[in-house]
């Protein structure tokens, strides 16, 4: 059975991100959009990233214009996220999350979750250290409400 480690993405800089680099890490994969009303979630995601990155949390933002809420270019989207929301976690070039040209990683995550089509921006996938899906979160789920599951996935002994 495939895991996220079987996929690659392209970072904004053009560098290839081999997701196998994230083995033994907890990963959040999220489809982002700069002009979406949910874009302030980037702040919450960044807070989680800063809090848990040294303990093994990776967040990967994949901008998508699938819902017509992304800026005109990859560079504008990257700049917007970094300037307005302080994003320091890796962001990829834009991808399609549904349809004929959908990104293979999203096809995999949708199949693994059993919930089908991505319905909106900021659908979040929490991946365990084994590269397998722990949970798919709805776009309206605030990042801070994922913290206990992240904490548990990082194999922390006590509850928050």
N, C-alpha and C. Protein backbone atom coordinates (compact mmCIF):
# COMPACT_ATOMS: atom_id res chain seq x y z
N UNK A 1 0.84 -1.18 0.00
CA UNK A 1 0.00 0.00 0.00
C UNK A 1 0.88 1.25 0.00
N UNK A 2 0.49 2.23 -0.80
CA UNK A 2 1.26 3.46 -0.91
C UNK A 2 1.13 4.32 0.35
N UNK A 3 2.15 5.14 0.56
CA UNK A 3 2.13 6.14 1.62
C UNK A 3 2.52 7.47 0.97
N UNK A 4 2.54 8.54 1.75
CA UNK A 4 2.96 9.82 1.18
C UNK A 4 4.40 9.78 0.72
N UNK A 5 5.17 8.82 1.24
CA UNK A 5 6.58 8.73 0.89
C UNK A 5 6.81 8.34 -0.58
N UNK A 6 5.76 7.94 -1.26
CA UNK A 6 5.86 7.56 -2.66
C UNK A 6 5.69 8.75 -3.60
N UNK A 7 5.57 9.97 -3.06
CA UNK A 7 5.26 11.15 -3.88
C UNK A 7 6.31 12.22 -3.75
N UNK A 8 6.29 13.10 -4.76
CA UNK A 8 7.17 14.27 -4.78
C UNK A 8 6.33 15.50 -5.12
N UNK A 9 6.77 16.64 -4.65
CA UNK A 9 6.16 17.92 -4.99
C UNK A 9 7.27 18.87 -5.37
N UNK A 10 6.91 20.02 -5.93
CA UNK A 10 7.91 21.01 -6.31
C UNK A 10 7.73 22.25 -5.47
N UNK A 11 8.76 22.57 -4.70
CA UNK A 11 8.74 23.75 -3.85
C UNK A 11 8.72 25.01 -4.73
N UNK A 12 8.29 26.12 -4.14
CA UNK A 12 8.21 27.38 -4.87
C UNK A 12 9.52 27.73 -5.55
N UNK A 13 10.64 27.38 -4.93
CA UNK A 13 11.97 27.69 -5.48
C UNK A 13 12.30 26.82 -6.69
N UNK A 14 11.48 25.80 -6.94
CA UNK A 14 11.75 24.87 -8.02
C UNK A 14 12.40 23.59 -7.55
N UNK A 15 12.82 23.56 -6.28
CA UNK A 15 13.45 22.37 -5.70
C UNK A 15 12.41 21.27 -5.54
N UNK A 16 12.81 20.05 -5.84
CA UNK A 16 11.94 18.89 -5.65
C UNK A 16 11.91 18.51 -4.17
N UNK A 17 10.71 18.33 -3.67
CA UNK A 17 10.53 17.84 -2.31
C UNK A 17 10.15 16.37 -2.43
N UNK A 18 11.03 15.50 -1.99
CA UNK A 18 10.74 14.07 -1.97
C UNK A 18 10.12 13.79 -0.60
N UNK A 19 8.85 13.42 -0.58
CA UNK A 19 8.16 13.25 0.69
C UNK A 19 8.75 12.13 1.53
N UNK A 20 9.61 11.29 0.94
CA UNK A 20 10.28 10.26 1.75
C UNK A 20 11.24 10.91 2.74
N UNK A 21 11.58 12.20 2.52
CA UNK A 21 12.41 12.94 3.48
C UNK A 21 11.68 13.12 4.81
N UNK A 22 10.37 12.93 4.80
CA UNK A 22 9.55 13.15 5.99
C UNK A 22 9.29 11.87 6.78
N UNK A 23 10.02 10.80 6.47
CA UNK A 23 9.86 9.56 7.23
C UNK A 23 10.12 9.82 8.70
N UNK A 24 9.31 9.19 9.54
CA UNK A 24 9.39 9.33 11.00
C UNK A 24 9.03 10.74 11.49
N UNK A 25 8.33 11.49 10.65
CA UNK A 25 7.84 12.81 11.04
C UNK A 25 6.32 12.79 10.95
N UNK A 26 5.68 13.68 11.68
CA UNK A 26 4.24 13.90 11.57
C UNK A 26 4.07 15.04 10.56
N UNK A 27 3.18 14.86 9.60
CA UNK A 27 3.04 15.82 8.51
C UNK A 27 1.60 16.29 8.40
N UNK A 28 1.44 17.59 8.19
CA UNK A 28 0.14 18.15 7.83
C UNK A 28 0.27 18.63 6.39
N UNK A 29 -0.63 18.16 5.54
CA UNK A 29 -0.68 18.59 4.14
C UNK A 29 -1.98 19.37 3.99
N UNK A 30 -1.87 20.58 3.44
CA UNK A 30 -3.04 21.46 3.35
C UNK A 30 -3.05 22.17 2.00
N UNK A 31 -4.24 22.22 1.37
CA UNK A 31 -4.38 23.01 0.15
C UNK A 31 -4.75 24.44 0.54
N UNK A 32 -3.93 25.39 0.11
CA UNK A 32 -4.10 26.78 0.51
C UNK A 32 -4.58 27.64 -0.65
N UNK A 33 -5.07 28.83 -0.30
CA UNK A 33 -5.46 29.84 -1.30
C UNK A 33 -5.38 31.20 -0.64
N UNK A 34 -4.63 32.09 -1.21
CA UNK A 34 -4.34 33.40 -0.61
C UNK A 34 -5.58 34.27 -0.42
N UNK A 35 -6.51 34.25 -1.38
CA UNK A 35 -7.66 35.14 -1.32
C UNK A 35 -8.87 34.51 -0.64
N UNK A 36 -8.72 33.34 -0.08
CA UNK A 36 -9.81 32.63 0.59
C UNK A 36 -10.05 33.25 1.97
N UNK A 37 -11.30 33.27 2.39
CA UNK A 37 -11.64 33.76 3.72
C UNK A 37 -11.03 32.93 4.83
N UNK A 38 -10.59 31.73 4.51
CA UNK A 38 -9.96 30.85 5.51
C UNK A 38 -8.44 31.04 5.57
N UNK A 39 -7.90 31.93 4.74
CA UNK A 39 -6.45 32.15 4.71
C UNK A 39 -5.84 32.49 6.08
N UNK A 40 -6.58 33.15 6.99
CA UNK A 40 -6.00 33.40 8.31
C UNK A 40 -5.60 32.11 9.05
N UNK A 41 -6.08 30.95 8.59
CA UNK A 41 -5.64 29.69 9.19
C UNK A 41 -4.14 29.49 9.02
N UNK A 42 -3.54 30.19 8.07
CA UNK A 42 -2.10 30.10 7.88
C UNK A 42 -1.37 30.51 9.16
N UNK A 43 -1.91 31.47 9.88
CA UNK A 43 -1.30 31.90 11.15
C UNK A 43 -1.31 30.75 12.16
N UNK A 44 -2.44 30.07 12.28
CA UNK A 44 -2.55 28.94 13.20
C UNK A 44 -1.65 27.79 12.80
N UNK A 45 -1.57 27.53 11.50
CA UNK A 45 -0.67 26.48 11.02
C UNK A 45 0.78 26.83 11.33
N UNK A 46 1.13 28.10 11.13
CA UNK A 46 2.49 28.54 11.41
C UNK A 46 2.81 28.41 12.90
N UNK A 47 1.84 28.73 13.75
CA UNK A 47 2.05 28.58 15.20
C UNK A 47 2.33 27.13 15.56
N UNK A 48 1.55 26.21 15.00
CA UNK A 48 1.78 24.78 15.25
C UNK A 48 3.16 24.36 14.74
N UNK A 49 3.51 24.86 13.57
CA UNK A 49 4.80 24.53 12.97
C UNK A 49 5.95 24.98 13.87
N UNK A 50 5.86 26.21 14.34
CA UNK A 50 6.93 26.72 15.21
C UNK A 50 6.98 25.96 16.53
N UNK A 51 5.82 25.61 17.06
CA UNK A 51 5.76 24.94 18.35
C UNK A 51 6.29 23.52 18.30
N UNK A 52 6.00 22.79 17.21
CA UNK A 52 6.30 21.37 17.17
C UNK A 52 7.33 20.95 16.10
N UNK A 53 7.83 21.88 15.33
CA UNK A 53 8.76 21.50 14.26
C UNK A 53 10.01 20.79 14.80
N UNK A 54 10.55 21.31 15.87
CA UNK A 54 11.76 20.68 16.43
C UNK A 54 11.48 19.29 17.01
N UNK A 55 10.21 18.99 17.22
CA UNK A 55 9.84 17.67 17.75
C UNK A 55 9.40 16.72 16.64
N UNK A 56 9.41 17.19 15.37
CA UNK A 56 9.11 16.30 14.27
C UNK A 56 7.88 16.62 13.45
N UNK A 57 7.31 17.82 13.58
CA UNK A 57 6.15 18.19 12.78
C UNK A 57 6.61 18.92 11.52
N UNK A 58 6.07 18.49 10.39
CA UNK A 58 6.29 19.16 9.12
C UNK A 58 4.92 19.60 8.60
N UNK A 59 4.85 20.82 8.10
CA UNK A 59 3.63 21.28 7.43
C UNK A 59 4.02 21.60 6.00
N UNK A 60 3.20 21.14 5.07
CA UNK A 60 3.43 21.37 3.65
C UNK A 60 2.19 22.02 3.07
N UNK A 61 2.34 23.27 2.62
CA UNK A 61 1.24 23.99 2.00
C UNK A 61 1.30 23.83 0.49
N UNK A 62 0.15 23.45 -0.08
CA UNK A 62 0.06 23.29 -1.53
C UNK A 62 -1.00 24.24 -2.06
N UNK A 63 -0.60 25.41 -2.55
CA UNK A 63 -1.57 26.35 -3.09
C UNK A 63 -2.33 25.74 -4.26
N UNK A 64 -3.60 26.10 -4.33
CA UNK A 64 -4.44 25.63 -5.42
C UNK A 64 -5.38 26.74 -5.86
N UNK A 65 -5.54 26.87 -7.15
CA UNK A 65 -6.51 27.83 -7.67
C UNK A 65 -7.77 27.11 -8.13
N UNK A 66 -7.98 25.91 -7.63
CA UNK A 66 -9.11 25.09 -8.03
C UNK A 66 -10.44 25.80 -7.75
N UNK A 67 -10.47 26.63 -6.72
CA UNK A 67 -11.70 27.32 -6.34
C UNK A 67 -11.61 28.82 -6.65
N UNK A 68 -10.67 29.17 -7.54
CA UNK A 68 -10.51 30.53 -8.06
C UNK A 68 -10.29 31.57 -6.96
N UNK A 69 -9.44 31.21 -5.99
CA UNK A 69 -9.14 32.13 -4.90
C UNK A 69 -7.64 32.25 -4.64
N UNK A 70 -6.85 31.98 -5.66
CA UNK A 70 -5.41 32.11 -5.53
C UNK A 70 -4.94 33.25 -6.41
N UNK A 71 -3.83 33.83 -6.05
CA UNK A 71 -3.25 34.91 -6.83
C UNK A 71 -2.75 34.40 -8.17
N UNK A 72 -2.37 35.33 -9.05
CA UNK A 72 -2.08 34.99 -10.45
C UNK A 72 -0.87 34.08 -10.65
N UNK A 73 0.15 34.21 -9.79
CA UNK A 73 1.36 33.40 -10.00
C UNK A 73 1.77 32.70 -8.71
N UNK A 74 2.59 31.69 -8.85
CA UNK A 74 3.14 30.98 -7.69
C UNK A 74 3.90 31.94 -6.80
N UNK A 75 4.69 32.81 -7.41
CA UNK A 75 5.51 33.75 -6.66
C UNK A 75 4.66 34.70 -5.83
N UNK A 76 3.57 35.21 -6.42
CA UNK A 76 2.67 36.11 -5.68
C UNK A 76 2.05 35.38 -4.49
N UNK A 77 1.64 34.14 -4.71
CA UNK A 77 1.03 33.36 -3.63
C UNK A 77 2.03 33.12 -2.51
N UNK A 78 3.25 32.77 -2.87
CA UNK A 78 4.30 32.53 -1.87
C UNK A 78 4.59 33.79 -1.08
N UNK A 79 4.78 34.90 -1.78
CA UNK A 79 5.05 36.18 -1.11
C UNK A 79 3.91 36.56 -0.18
N UNK A 80 2.68 36.40 -0.64
CA UNK A 80 1.51 36.77 0.15
C UNK A 80 1.47 36.00 1.47
N UNK A 81 1.67 34.70 1.38
CA UNK A 81 1.62 33.85 2.58
C UNK A 81 2.73 34.21 3.57
N UNK A 82 3.90 34.50 3.06
CA UNK A 82 5.04 34.83 3.92
C UNK A 82 4.91 36.23 4.52
N UNK A 83 4.49 37.21 3.71
CA UNK A 83 4.38 38.59 4.18
C UNK A 83 3.19 38.79 5.11
N UNK A 84 2.02 38.29 4.72
CA UNK A 84 0.79 38.54 5.49
C UNK A 84 0.58 37.60 6.66
N UNK A 85 1.13 36.37 6.57
CA UNK A 85 0.86 35.39 7.62
C UNK A 85 2.13 34.82 8.25
N UNK A 86 3.29 35.28 7.83
CA UNK A 86 4.54 34.85 8.44
C UNK A 86 4.90 33.41 8.21
N UNK A 87 4.40 32.83 7.12
CA UNK A 87 4.62 31.41 6.85
C UNK A 87 6.10 31.12 6.61
N UNK A 88 6.61 30.14 7.36
CA UNK A 88 7.99 29.68 7.15
C UNK A 88 8.03 28.21 6.72
N UNK A 89 6.90 27.51 6.82
CA UNK A 89 6.89 26.10 6.39
C UNK A 89 6.92 26.04 4.86
N UNK A 90 7.34 24.91 4.30
CA UNK A 90 7.46 24.79 2.85
C UNK A 90 6.12 24.95 2.13
N UNK A 91 6.18 25.68 1.02
CA UNK A 91 5.03 25.86 0.13
C UNK A 91 5.45 25.36 -1.24
N UNK A 92 4.53 24.69 -1.92
CA UNK A 92 4.83 24.16 -3.25
C UNK A 92 4.27 25.07 -4.33
N UNK A 93 4.62 24.74 -5.54
CA UNK A 93 3.97 25.38 -6.68
C UNK A 93 2.51 24.95 -6.66
N UNK A 94 1.67 25.72 -7.34
CA UNK A 94 0.23 25.44 -7.33
C UNK A 94 -0.09 24.07 -7.93
N UNK A 95 -1.12 23.45 -7.36
CA UNK A 95 -1.56 22.14 -7.81
C UNK A 95 -3.08 22.14 -7.98
N UNK A 96 -3.57 21.15 -8.71
CA UNK A 96 -5.01 20.89 -8.78
C UNK A 96 -5.31 19.80 -7.76
N UNK A 97 -6.38 19.98 -7.01
CA UNK A 97 -6.73 18.99 -5.98
C UNK A 97 -7.85 18.06 -6.41
N UNK A 98 -8.50 18.38 -7.53
CA UNK A 98 -9.58 17.56 -8.08
C UNK A 98 -9.46 17.54 -9.60
N UNK A 99 -10.14 16.58 -10.22
CA UNK A 99 -10.26 16.58 -11.67
C UNK A 99 -9.17 15.85 -12.41
N UNK A 100 -9.19 16.04 -13.73
CA UNK A 100 -8.29 15.32 -14.62
C UNK A 100 -6.81 15.58 -14.35
N UNK A 101 -6.49 16.79 -13.93
CA UNK A 101 -5.08 17.15 -13.71
C UNK A 101 -4.72 17.18 -12.23
N UNK A 102 -5.49 16.46 -11.40
CA UNK A 102 -5.24 16.54 -9.96
C UNK A 102 -3.85 16.00 -9.61
N UNK A 103 -3.29 16.61 -8.60
CA UNK A 103 -2.00 16.21 -8.09
C UNK A 103 -2.09 14.77 -7.57
N UNK A 104 -1.16 13.90 -7.92
CA UNK A 104 -1.22 12.50 -7.47
C UNK A 104 -1.25 12.36 -5.94
N UNK A 105 -0.58 13.25 -5.21
CA UNK A 105 -0.62 13.18 -3.75
C UNK A 105 -2.04 13.39 -3.25
N UNK A 106 -2.76 14.34 -3.82
CA UNK A 106 -4.14 14.57 -3.39
C UNK A 106 -5.05 13.42 -3.79
N UNK A 107 -4.80 12.82 -4.95
CA UNK A 107 -5.58 11.64 -5.34
C UNK A 107 -5.40 10.54 -4.29
N UNK A 108 -4.16 10.34 -3.88
CA UNK A 108 -3.85 9.33 -2.85
C UNK A 108 -4.55 9.66 -1.53
N UNK A 109 -4.42 10.91 -1.07
CA UNK A 109 -4.99 11.29 0.22
C UNK A 109 -6.52 11.19 0.21
N UNK A 110 -7.13 11.56 -0.88
CA UNK A 110 -8.59 11.46 -0.98
C UNK A 110 -9.03 10.00 -0.93
N UNK A 111 -8.30 9.16 -1.64
CA UNK A 111 -8.63 7.72 -1.63
C UNK A 111 -8.44 7.14 -0.24
N UNK A 112 -7.33 7.49 0.40
CA UNK A 112 -7.04 6.95 1.73
C UNK A 112 -8.07 7.41 2.76
N UNK A 113 -8.54 8.64 2.63
CA UNK A 113 -9.51 9.16 3.60
C UNK A 113 -10.92 8.60 3.37
N UNK A 114 -11.21 8.22 2.12
CA UNK A 114 -12.54 7.71 1.80
C UNK A 114 -13.61 8.79 1.73
N UNK A 115 -13.17 10.06 1.71
CA UNK A 115 -14.15 11.16 1.69
C UNK A 115 -14.26 11.84 0.35
N UNK A 116 -13.60 11.34 -0.67
CA UNK A 116 -13.75 11.86 -2.02
C UNK A 116 -13.24 13.27 -2.23
N UNK A 117 -13.89 13.94 -3.16
CA UNK A 117 -13.52 15.25 -3.68
C UNK A 117 -13.18 16.27 -2.58
N UNK A 118 -12.16 17.08 -2.85
CA UNK A 118 -11.85 18.21 -1.98
C UNK A 118 -12.92 19.27 -2.28
N UNK A 119 -13.62 19.69 -1.24
CA UNK A 119 -14.74 20.60 -1.46
C UNK A 119 -14.36 22.07 -1.33
N UNK A 120 -13.23 22.37 -0.71
CA UNK A 120 -12.84 23.76 -0.52
C UNK A 120 -11.39 23.85 -0.09
N UNK A 121 -10.88 25.08 -0.09
CA UNK A 121 -9.52 25.36 0.37
C UNK A 121 -9.37 25.01 1.85
N UNK A 122 -8.17 24.75 2.25
CA UNK A 122 -7.79 24.47 3.64
C UNK A 122 -8.33 23.15 4.17
N UNK A 123 -8.49 22.17 3.28
CA UNK A 123 -8.70 20.80 3.72
C UNK A 123 -7.33 20.34 4.22
N UNK A 124 -7.32 19.78 5.41
CA UNK A 124 -6.05 19.43 6.06
C UNK A 124 -5.97 17.92 6.28
N UNK A 125 -4.81 17.35 6.00
CA UNK A 125 -4.57 15.93 6.18
C UNK A 125 -3.44 15.76 7.20
N UNK A 126 -3.73 15.06 8.28
CA UNK A 126 -2.72 14.77 9.30
C UNK A 126 -2.17 13.37 9.03
N UNK A 127 -0.87 13.31 8.82
CA UNK A 127 -0.18 12.06 8.46
C UNK A 127 0.72 11.63 9.61
N UNK A 128 0.67 10.36 9.95
CA UNK A 128 1.50 9.83 11.02
C UNK A 128 2.93 9.57 10.59
N UNK A 129 3.75 9.19 11.56
CA UNK A 129 5.18 8.93 11.31
C UNK A 129 5.41 7.77 10.34
N UNK A 130 4.37 6.97 10.10
CA UNK A 130 4.47 5.86 9.16
C UNK A 130 4.07 6.24 7.74
N UNK A 131 3.74 7.53 7.53
CA UNK A 131 3.37 7.99 6.20
C UNK A 131 1.92 7.76 5.83
N UNK A 132 1.13 7.28 6.79
CA UNK A 132 -0.28 6.99 6.53
C UNK A 132 -1.19 8.02 7.18
N UNK A 133 -2.34 8.20 6.56
CA UNK A 133 -3.30 9.19 7.03
C UNK A 133 -3.83 8.85 8.41
N UNK A 134 -3.82 9.85 9.29
CA UNK A 134 -4.46 9.72 10.60
C UNK A 134 -5.87 10.29 10.51
N UNK A 135 -6.00 11.49 9.91
CA UNK A 135 -7.32 12.11 9.84
C UNK A 135 -7.35 13.19 8.76
N UNK A 136 -8.50 13.29 8.11
CA UNK A 136 -8.76 14.38 7.16
C UNK A 136 -9.65 15.38 7.88
N UNK A 137 -9.24 16.65 7.88
CA UNK A 137 -9.98 17.71 8.56
C UNK A 137 -10.67 18.61 7.55
N UNK A 138 -11.88 19.01 7.87
CA UNK A 138 -12.66 19.90 7.02
C UNK A 138 -12.01 21.28 6.93
N UNK A 139 -12.27 22.01 5.86
CA UNK A 139 -11.70 23.34 5.71
C UNK A 139 -11.96 24.27 6.90
N UNK A 140 -13.11 24.18 7.51
CA UNK A 140 -13.43 25.09 8.61
C UNK A 140 -12.76 24.70 9.93
N UNK A 141 -12.15 23.53 9.98
CA UNK A 141 -11.46 23.10 11.21
C UNK A 141 -10.26 24.00 11.44
N UNK A 142 -10.25 24.65 12.58
CA UNK A 142 -9.15 25.55 12.91
C UNK A 142 -7.91 24.72 13.27
N UNK A 143 -6.76 25.16 12.82
CA UNK A 143 -5.53 24.39 13.11
C UNK A 143 -5.33 24.09 14.59
N UNK A 144 -5.65 25.04 15.47
CA UNK A 144 -5.43 24.81 16.90
C UNK A 144 -6.26 23.64 17.44
N UNK A 145 -7.38 23.33 16.78
CA UNK A 145 -8.18 22.20 17.25
C UNK A 145 -7.55 20.86 16.86
N UNK A 146 -6.51 20.89 16.04
CA UNK A 146 -5.79 19.68 15.66
C UNK A 146 -4.64 19.38 16.62
N UNK A 147 -4.39 20.27 17.55
CA UNK A 147 -3.17 20.18 18.36
C UNK A 147 -3.09 18.89 19.18
N UNK A 148 -4.17 18.47 19.78
CA UNK A 148 -4.11 17.24 20.59
C UNK A 148 -3.76 16.03 19.73
N UNK A 149 -4.33 15.95 18.52
CA UNK A 149 -4.02 14.84 17.62
C UNK A 149 -2.56 14.89 17.18
N UNK A 150 -2.04 16.10 16.94
CA UNK A 150 -0.63 16.26 16.58
C UNK A 150 0.25 15.81 17.73
N UNK A 151 -0.10 16.27 18.91
CA UNK A 151 0.64 15.92 20.13
C UNK A 151 0.71 14.41 20.30
N UNK A 152 -0.43 13.75 20.12
CA UNK A 152 -0.49 12.29 20.23
C UNK A 152 0.34 11.62 19.14
N UNK A 153 0.23 12.13 17.91
CA UNK A 153 0.98 11.54 16.80
C UNK A 153 2.48 11.66 17.00
N UNK A 154 2.90 12.69 17.70
CA UNK A 154 4.33 12.86 17.99
C UNK A 154 4.78 11.96 19.13
N UNK A 155 3.87 11.11 19.62
CA UNK A 155 4.15 10.14 20.69
C UNK A 155 4.48 10.81 22.02
N UNK A 156 3.77 11.85 22.29
CA UNK A 156 3.92 12.49 23.59
C UNK A 156 3.22 11.62 24.64
N UNK A 157 3.73 11.62 25.84
CA UNK A 157 3.20 10.72 26.87
C UNK A 157 1.97 11.29 27.57
N UNK A 158 1.92 12.59 27.78
CA UNK A 158 0.77 13.16 28.50
C UNK A 158 -0.14 13.90 27.54
N UNK A 159 -1.35 14.08 27.96
CA UNK A 159 -2.34 14.80 27.17
C UNK A 159 -2.17 16.29 27.44
N UNK A 160 -2.45 17.10 26.43
CA UNK A 160 -2.33 18.56 26.59
C UNK A 160 -3.24 19.06 27.68
